[in-house]
Structure formats: structure tokens, C-alpha cells
Protein backbone atom coordinates (compact mmCIF):
# COMPACT_ATOMS: atom_id res chain seq x y z
CA MET A 1 0.00 0.00 0.00
CA SER A 2 1.68 3.18 -1.09
CA ALA A 3 1.14 6.69 0.08
CA VAL A 4 -0.71 8.73 -2.45
CA THR A 5 -1.72 12.33 -2.70
CA ALA A 6 -5.32 12.93 -1.73
CA PRO A 7 -7.34 13.37 -4.93
CA VAL A 8 -9.50 16.08 -3.32
CA ARG A 9 -6.81 18.64 -2.61
CA LEU A 10 -7.15 21.77 -0.50
CA THR A 11 -6.87 25.07 -2.32
CA GLY A 12 -6.14 28.39 -0.65
CA ARG A 13 -9.82 29.25 -0.58
CA SER A 14 -10.79 25.89 0.90
CA THR A 15 -8.11 26.16 3.57
CA ALA A 16 -9.31 29.62 4.60
CA VAL A 17 -12.91 28.39 4.76
CA LEU A 18 -11.98 25.37 6.90
CA VAL A 19 -9.96 27.52 9.31
CA LEU A 20 -12.80 30.04 9.64
CA VAL A 21 -15.45 27.35 10.10
CA SER A 22 -13.31 25.55 12.68
CA LEU A 23 -12.82 28.74 14.67
CA ILE A 24 -16.56 29.37 14.67
CA GLY A 25 -17.19 25.79 15.79
CA LEU A 26 -14.62 26.09 18.57
CA ALA A 27 -16.35 29.26 19.74
CA LEU A 28 -19.68 27.39 19.86
CA PHE A 29 -18.13 24.87 22.22
CA SER A 30 -16.07 27.11 24.46
CA TRP A 31 -18.06 30.35 24.80
CA PRO A 32 -19.31 29.54 28.36
CA LEU A 33 -15.71 29.64 29.58
CA PHE A 34 -15.59 33.35 28.81
CA VAL A 35 -18.85 34.49 30.41
CA LEU A 36 -18.66 36.67 33.49
CA SER A 37 -21.90 35.71 35.21
CA GLU A 38 -24.56 33.02 35.29
CA ALA A 39 -27.02 35.42 33.66
CA ALA A 40 -25.07 35.10 30.40
CA LEU A 41 -25.82 31.37 30.36
CA ALA A 42 -29.50 32.08 29.69
CA HIS A 43 -28.87 31.39 25.99
CA SER A 44 -28.05 27.73 26.69
CA ALA A 45 -31.30 26.69 24.96
CA ASP A 46 -30.40 28.25 21.61
CA ALA A 47 -29.81 24.83 20.03
CA PRO A 48 -31.85 25.62 16.88
CA LEU A 49 -29.64 28.65 16.24
CA VAL A 50 -26.50 26.59 16.70
CA PHE A 51 -27.87 23.92 14.36
CA ALA A 52 -28.60 26.56 11.72
CA ILE A 53 -25.04 27.86 12.05
CA VAL A 54 -23.55 24.39 11.67
CA MET A 55 -25.67 23.59 8.61
CA THR A 56 -24.64 26.90 7.08
CA MET A 57 -21.01 25.98 7.66
CA LEU A 58 -21.59 22.66 5.91
CA VAL A 59 -23.03 24.41 2.87
CA ILE A 60 -20.12 26.87 2.83
CA VAL A 61 -17.51 24.12 2.97
CA LEU A 62 -19.15 22.05 0.23
CA ALA A 63 -19.69 25.13 -1.94
CA SER A 64 -16.05 26.13 -1.53
CA GLU A 65 -14.88 22.66 -2.60
CA VAL A 66 -17.21 22.63 -5.61
CA ILE A 67 -16.37 26.16 -6.73
CA SER A 68 -12.64 25.50 -6.45
CA GLY A 69 -13.11 22.55 -8.80
CA GLU A 70 -11.65 19.97 -6.39
CA LEU A 71 -15.00 18.29 -5.64
CA ASP A 72 -16.89 17.39 -8.81
CA ALA A 73 -19.89 15.16 -9.41
CA LYS A 74 -17.79 12.03 -8.87
CA GLY A 75 -16.51 13.39 -5.56
CA LEU A 76 -20.03 14.22 -4.41
CA ALA A 77 -21.12 10.69 -5.33
CA MET A 78 -18.25 9.24 -3.27
CA LEU A 79 -19.24 11.52 -0.38
CA GLY A 80 -22.79 10.22 -0.53
CA VAL A 81 -21.70 6.57 -0.60
CA LEU A 82 -19.32 6.89 2.37
CA ALA A 83 -21.78 9.00 4.37
CA ALA A 84 -24.51 6.41 3.83
CA THR A 85 -22.11 3.64 4.92
CA ALA A 86 -21.17 5.52 8.09
CA ALA A 87 -24.82 6.27 8.89
CA ALA A 88 -25.70 2.60 8.47
CA LEU A 89 -22.90 1.58 10.86
CA ARG A 90 -23.93 3.92 13.66
CA PRO A 91 -26.82 1.77 14.96
CA LEU A 92 -24.30 -1.08 15.41
CA GLY A 93 -22.49 0.94 18.05
CA SER A 94 -23.27 0.38 21.69
CA GLY A 95 -24.50 3.42 23.55
CA VAL A 96 -23.62 1.71 26.82
CA SER A 97 -19.91 1.15 26.12
CA GLY A 98 -19.24 4.14 23.87
CA PHE A 99 -17.96 1.98 20.99
CA GLN A 100 -18.83 3.53 17.60
CA PRO A 101 -17.88 1.69 14.37
CA MET A 102 -18.88 4.59 12.11
CA PHE A 103 -15.71 6.44 13.08
CA ILE A 104 -13.57 4.07 11.00
CA VAL A 105 -15.32 5.29 7.84
CA LEU A 106 -14.66 8.92 8.79
CA ILE A 107 -11.00 8.25 9.52
CA ILE A 108 -10.36 6.17 6.38
CA GLY A 109 -12.34 8.59 4.19
CA GLY A 110 -10.46 11.61 5.49
CA ARG A 111 -7.13 9.82 5.13
CA ALA A 112 -7.77 8.66 1.57
CA LEU A 113 -9.53 11.74 0.19
CA GLY A 114 -8.12 14.69 2.13
CA PRO A 115 -9.01 16.94 5.09
CA GLY A 116 -11.67 18.98 3.28
CA PHE A 117 -13.46 15.82 2.21
CA GLY A 118 -13.09 14.37 5.71
CA PHE A 119 -14.66 17.48 7.26
CA SER A 120 -17.65 17.32 4.93
CA LEU A 121 -17.95 13.56 5.42
CA GLY A 122 -18.14 13.95 9.19
CA LEU A 123 -20.87 16.58 9.01
CA VAL A 124 -23.02 14.72 6.49
CA SER A 125 -22.55 11.29 8.12
CA MET A 126 -23.52 12.42 11.59
CA PHE A 127 -26.54 14.32 10.31
CA GLY A 128 -27.73 11.35 8.24
CA SER A 129 -27.19 8.90 11.09
CA ALA A 130 -29.17 11.13 13.46
CA LEU A 131 -32.10 11.06 11.05
CA LEU A 132 -31.77 7.29 10.74
CA THR A 133 -31.62 6.58 14.48
CA GLY A 134 -33.88 9.37 15.74
CA GLY A 135 -30.99 11.04 17.50
CA VAL A 136 -31.97 14.60 16.62
CA GLY A 137 -31.64 16.97 19.55
CA PRO A 138 -29.68 19.92 20.92
CA TRP A 139 -26.55 17.76 20.93
CA LEU A 140 -26.64 17.06 17.18
CA PRO A 141 -24.78 20.17 15.90
CA PHE A 142 -21.97 19.53 18.37
CA GLN A 143 -21.78 15.86 17.34
CA MET A 144 -21.58 16.97 13.72
CA LEU A 145 -18.70 19.32 14.46
CA GLY A 146 -16.85 16.67 16.47
CA ALA A 147 -17.20 14.11 13.67
CA ALA A 148 -16.12 16.71 11.09
CA TRP A 149 -12.93 17.50 12.99
CA LEU A 150 -12.26 13.77 13.41
CA GLY A 151 -12.41 13.24 9.63
CA MET A 152 -10.40 16.38 8.90
CA GLY A 153 -7.66 15.39 11.35
CA ALA A 154 -7.20 12.05 9.58
CA GLY A 155 -6.59 13.93 6.32
CA LEU A 156 -3.91 16.10 7.96
CA LEU A 157 -1.78 13.18 9.19
CA PRO A 158 1.75 12.94 7.74
CA ARG A 159 2.46 10.62 4.83
CA ALA A 160 3.23 6.98 5.51
CA ARG A 161 2.95 3.69 3.68
CA GLY A 162 2.28 0.06 4.41
CA ARG A 163 2.02 -1.04 8.00
CA ARG A 164 3.36 2.27 9.26
CA GLU A 165 0.30 3.95 7.83
CA LEU A 166 -2.02 1.53 9.65
CA ILE A 167 -0.18 2.05 12.94
CA LEU A 168 -0.37 5.81 12.42
CA LEU A 169 -4.13 5.60 11.81
CA ALA A 170 -4.63 3.30 14.79
CA GLY A 171 -2.80 5.71 17.09
CA TYR A 172 -4.84 8.59 15.73
CA GLY A 173 -8.05 6.58 16.22
CA ALA A 174 -7.19 5.97 19.88
CA ILE A 175 -6.45 9.64 20.60
CA ALA A 176 -9.43 10.87 18.57
CA GLY A 177 -11.78 8.46 20.36
CA VAL A 178 -10.91 9.99 23.73
CA LEU A 179 -10.81 13.60 22.53
CA TYR A 180 -14.20 13.23 20.84
CA GLY A 181 -15.75 12.25 24.18
CA PHE A 182 -14.06 15.17 25.97
CA LEU A 183 -15.22 17.59 23.29
CA LEU A 184 -18.82 16.41 23.44
CA ASN A 185 -18.78 16.85 27.23
CA LEU A 186 -17.91 20.50 26.82
CA TRP A 187 -21.18 21.45 25.14
CA PHE A 188 -23.36 20.50 28.16
CA TRP A 189 -20.98 20.59 31.14
CA PRO A 190 -21.38 24.33 31.90
CA PHE A 191 -25.16 23.88 32.19
CA LEU A 192 -25.22 20.92 34.59
CA THR A 193 -26.81 21.69 37.92
CA THR A 194 -26.35 18.28 39.57
CA ALA A 195 -22.57 17.99 39.36
CA ALA A 196 -20.49 17.90 42.53
CA PRO A 197 -18.93 21.21 43.58
CA GLY A 198 -15.40 20.08 42.75
CA ILE A 199 -16.23 19.20 39.12
CA SER A 200 -18.97 21.71 38.27
CA PHE A 201 -18.64 24.82 36.15
CA VAL A 202 -18.27 28.18 37.90
CA ALA A 203 -19.36 31.15 35.81
CA GLY A 204 -16.86 33.99 35.94
CA ALA A 205 -14.03 31.84 37.33
CA PRO A 206 -10.62 31.93 35.62
CA ILE A 207 -10.43 29.84 32.48
CA GLY A 208 -7.62 27.70 33.87
CA GLU A 209 -9.63 26.84 36.98
CA ASN A 210 -12.70 25.85 34.95
CA LEU A 211 -10.59 23.77 32.57
CA GLY A 212 -9.13 21.91 35.56
CA ARG A 213 -12.64 21.21 36.85
CA PHE A 214 -13.65 20.07 33.37
CA LEU A 215 -10.72 17.63 33.12
CA VAL A 216 -11.65 16.06 36.45
CA PHE A 217 -15.28 15.85 35.31
CA CYS A 218 -14.27 13.96 32.15
CA LEU A 219 -12.00 11.56 34.04
CA VAL A 220 -14.67 10.79 36.62
CA THR A 221 -17.78 10.58 34.42
CA SER A 222 -16.98 9.78 30.79
CA LEU A 223 -13.62 8.03 30.60
CA GLY A 224 -15.38 4.69 30.88
CA PHE A 225 -17.13 5.48 27.57
CA ASP A 226 -14.14 7.03 25.85
CA ILE A 227 -11.67 4.18 26.40
CA PRO A 228 -13.88 1.50 24.75
CA ARG A 229 -14.40 3.88 21.83
CA ALA A 230 -10.63 4.32 21.46
CA ILE A 231 -9.99 0.56 21.70
CA GLY A 232 -12.70 -0.13 19.12
CA ASN A 233 -11.14 2.37 16.73
CA VAL A 234 -7.73 0.73 17.08
CA VAL A 235 -9.02 -2.80 16.53
CA LEU A 236 -11.16 -1.91 13.51
CA LEU A 237 -8.44 0.17 11.87
CA LEU A 238 -5.83 -2.57 12.25
CA LEU A 239 -8.19 -5.25 10.93
CA ALA A 240 -10.11 -3.44 8.19
CA GLY A 241 -8.16 -0.23 7.60
CA GLY A 242 -5.87 -1.66 4.93
CA PRO A 243 -8.58 -3.18 2.70
CA MET A 244 -10.77 -0.10 3.07
CA LEU A 245 -7.94 2.24 2.11
CA ARG A 246 -7.08 0.16 -0.95
CA ALA A 247 -10.72 -0.04 -2.02
CA ILE A 248 -11.31 3.72 -1.73
CA ARG A 249 -8.05 4.60 -3.46
CA ARG A 250 -8.76 2.13 -6.26
CA ALA A 251 -12.21 3.64 -6.72
CA THR A 252 -10.81 7.17 -6.87
CA ARG A 253 -8.18 6.15 -9.43
CA ARG A 254 -10.81 4.56 -11.64
CA ALA A 255 -13.07 7.57 -11.22
CA ASN A 256 -10.06 9.76 -12.11
CA PHE A 257 -10.91 12.59 -9.73
CA SER A 258 -8.10 14.78 -11.03
CA ALA A 259 -9.13 14.60 -14.68
CA VAL A 260 -10.03 17.92 -16.25
CA ALA A 261 -12.65 17.89 -18.97
CA SER A 262 -11.64 19.61 -22.23
CA PHE A 263 -13.84 20.29 -25.23
CA LEU A 264 -12.52 20.42 -28.81
CA GLU A 265 -13.83 22.72 -31.50
CA PRO A 266 -16.36 20.93 -33.73
CA VAL A 267 -14.97 19.86 -37.12
CA GLN A 268 -17.09 21.17 -39.99
CA ASP A 269 -18.17 18.70 -42.64
CA PRO A 270 -16.43 19.57 -45.95
CA ASP A 271 -19.61 18.76 -47.88
CA SER A 272 -21.42 21.52 -45.98
CA LEU A 273 -18.98 24.24 -47.04
CA PRO A 274 -20.42 26.89 -49.45
CA ASP A 275 -17.71 26.35 -52.08
CA ALA A 276 -17.96 22.58 -52.02
CA PRO A 277 -19.53 22.29 -55.56
CA ALA A 278 -16.85 24.53 -57.09
CA THR A 279 -14.16 22.52 -55.37
CA ALA A 280 -15.67 19.29 -56.63
CA ASP A 281 -15.79 20.68 -60.20
CA ALA A 282 -12.21 21.80 -59.96
CA SER A 283 -11.14 18.38 -58.70
CA ALA A 284 -13.03 16.65 -61.54
CA SER A 285 -11.42 18.99 -64.09
CA ALA A 286 -7.98 18.29 -62.64
CA ARG A 287 -8.53 14.52 -62.82
CA SER A 288 -9.76 14.83 -66.45
CA SER A 289 -6.66 16.86 -67.40
CA ALA A 290 -4.45 14.29 -65.74
CA ARG A 291 -6.08 11.48 -67.68
CA THR A 292 -5.71 13.46 -70.92
CA THR A 293 -2.03 14.09 -70.21
CA ASP A 294 -1.44 10.44 -69.33
CA SER A 295 -3.11 9.37 -72.60
CA GLY A 296 -0.95 11.71 -74.65
CA LEU A 297 2.19 10.42 -72.96
CA THR A 298 1.12 6.86 -73.59
CA ARG A 299 0.52 7.52 -77.25
CA ARG A 300 3.90 9.21 -77.64
CA ASN A 301 5.63 6.34 -75.87
CA ASP A 302 3.88 3.86 -78.11
CA ALA A 303 4.93 5.78 -81.25
CA THR A 304 8.57 6.09 -80.29
CA PRO A 305 9.65 2.49 -80.99
CA ARG A 306 8.13 2.61 -84.52
CA ASP A 307 10.11 5.75 -85.49
CA ARG A 308 13.61 4.32 -85.30
CA SER A 309 15.62 6.22 -87.96
CA GLY A 310 18.91 8.01 -87.83
CA PRO A 311 22.48 7.15 -86.66
CA THR A 312 21.31 5.28 -83.58
CA ALA A 313 19.17 2.88 -85.59
CA GLU A 314 21.98 2.32 -88.11
CA ALA A 315 24.42 1.58 -85.26
CA GLU A 316 22.06 -0.97 -83.78
CA ILE A 317 21.64 -2.66 -87.17
CA SER A 318 25.43 -2.81 -87.73
CA GLN A 319 25.95 -4.33 -84.25
CA THR A 320 23.40 -6.95 -85.10
């Protein structure tokens, strides 16, 4: 298995869009850390607004890829196929243990097709799986952002080949499995009212103090879900990562994502030209003249042997 350049490359415009969208998404997660009082947390129920922002970011990212020419109809078809596969795998995950097999599709897709494709794949896959499983709620936009960053991170990994690439992906899957759980905790942790004093959010407290409380909260409450997710990612990537990478890369080579369509000028039929009759007459006249000339030459050649007079003929007769 060789390292190949992602067929859906990032242009300058796409990179700027991804950076901007990621900063907006990070602000959606972390804004409670910067509030000065509990009164500012009154907007904690603005989930529809957050969802609208996230969907707008999805449209912007996809539009940027399409406009830049890096994501054509074949790329959109591949995005739909992989997103449908990931959405179908999500119900197989166990909500009790935290294991989620759909993440392998996001990681392999981002690795094989690039960070921009991985970001879009994460957004679309999580949205489709939520519709499939009935998991639509205020948590959905944050799950979409977390899955998008997971796919994008796989596309930003350094180049590797063979077993080194699988080990690299497995290590990334383990770290991403834990970080995804921590990130998803951040969207609701500031609004919990039943948490113990030592692990609860304190509005207006220094950011470092709240981050320390948040880390303890994750270790105490969610690490039991995050570790099985990380182990599941490692096992699936080591077992199925190689065949999946080869299959996706083979499909992209056959689809020829990097091919640029070119259109040639139409060739005009010579018979449809205005001067075609004149040209035909001229060609017929030229052929008739050639036949006339050839006939004259033939007649002269035939007459030459019969007219054998003069010194040359006498010399030939004397030699005979």
C-alpha cells in the first residue's frame, strides 16, 4: 500500500474556509468559559440557532470545494456513498460502552480523500445517522462538528505507507476516540446543575480553573465510555483499515478525480462548405486533365519504338 496524494486537494480558498469554520465551531463549544456571570448562560437553549449555524457551515464548505473545482460530481457521489455507509454503521455501536464503528469510515475517508473531504464527510454522516436513528436533539450540531474534525484530522496526518500507515491511523483513532468524548462533554458541562462542587462549572471563574474542573469531570464521568471507543477504533483500523484504504483509493483512481474535462472545436463537414460544388468541379477537371495528359504520354511512348531512324538505328543494325 503506497502513500498517495489525496485526490480532493485543499486550495487556498478551501483552507481559509476550513480555518474560519473551525474557529466558529470552537467558539460554539467554548463560549461559556468566557462568560462573566450566570445570567449570560441564559442562551443555553439556543440549540436551533447553533444547528442553523452548523448547517450553514456545511453548505459553505461544500460550496467552496465545488467552486474551487476539487469536488466534482464524482466526488459528491463518493461523499454520498461513504456517508450512507457511516450512517448505516452507527446503529451497530453500543451506547452503553461508547464503541462507535462509524468512526472508522470517517478516519479512512479523510485519510484517503483529504481533510476537506473528511470534514464534509463527518458533518453529512452524523446528520444522516441522526435522522436514521432518531438522535436529533440539541446535541446534534456539536456531534456533527466533532465528527467533522475527526475526519479532517485524519486527512492532515503525515504521509506513511504500508504497516506504518495503519499504525499511524490506529494511534490517531485511539487519541481521537478519547478527545471526541471530551469535546462532546464540553457542550453541556457548563449547564449541569447536579454535578459535585469540585467538578462543576463556575461562571466567571478563571479559564484555567474551569478547565481543571472540566478535566476532572471527564475523568470521573466519561472516561469509561471514551476508552472503549478508542480501543474499538484501534481494533477496527488494524483489521479493516488496509482493505478499506485500498478499495477507496482504487475507486478514486478509476473515477479519475483529477481529470479535467476539455472540449474540442467541432470539425465542420467539408460537404457543408459553401464552395464545395466549385471545389468538386475543380477536382473533376484536374482529374480529367491528368487522364488526358497520361493518354498523350502513352501515345507518344507507343509511337517512339516505330520511329527508329537516324544514326542510332543504323548503329544498332550494324551491331546486329
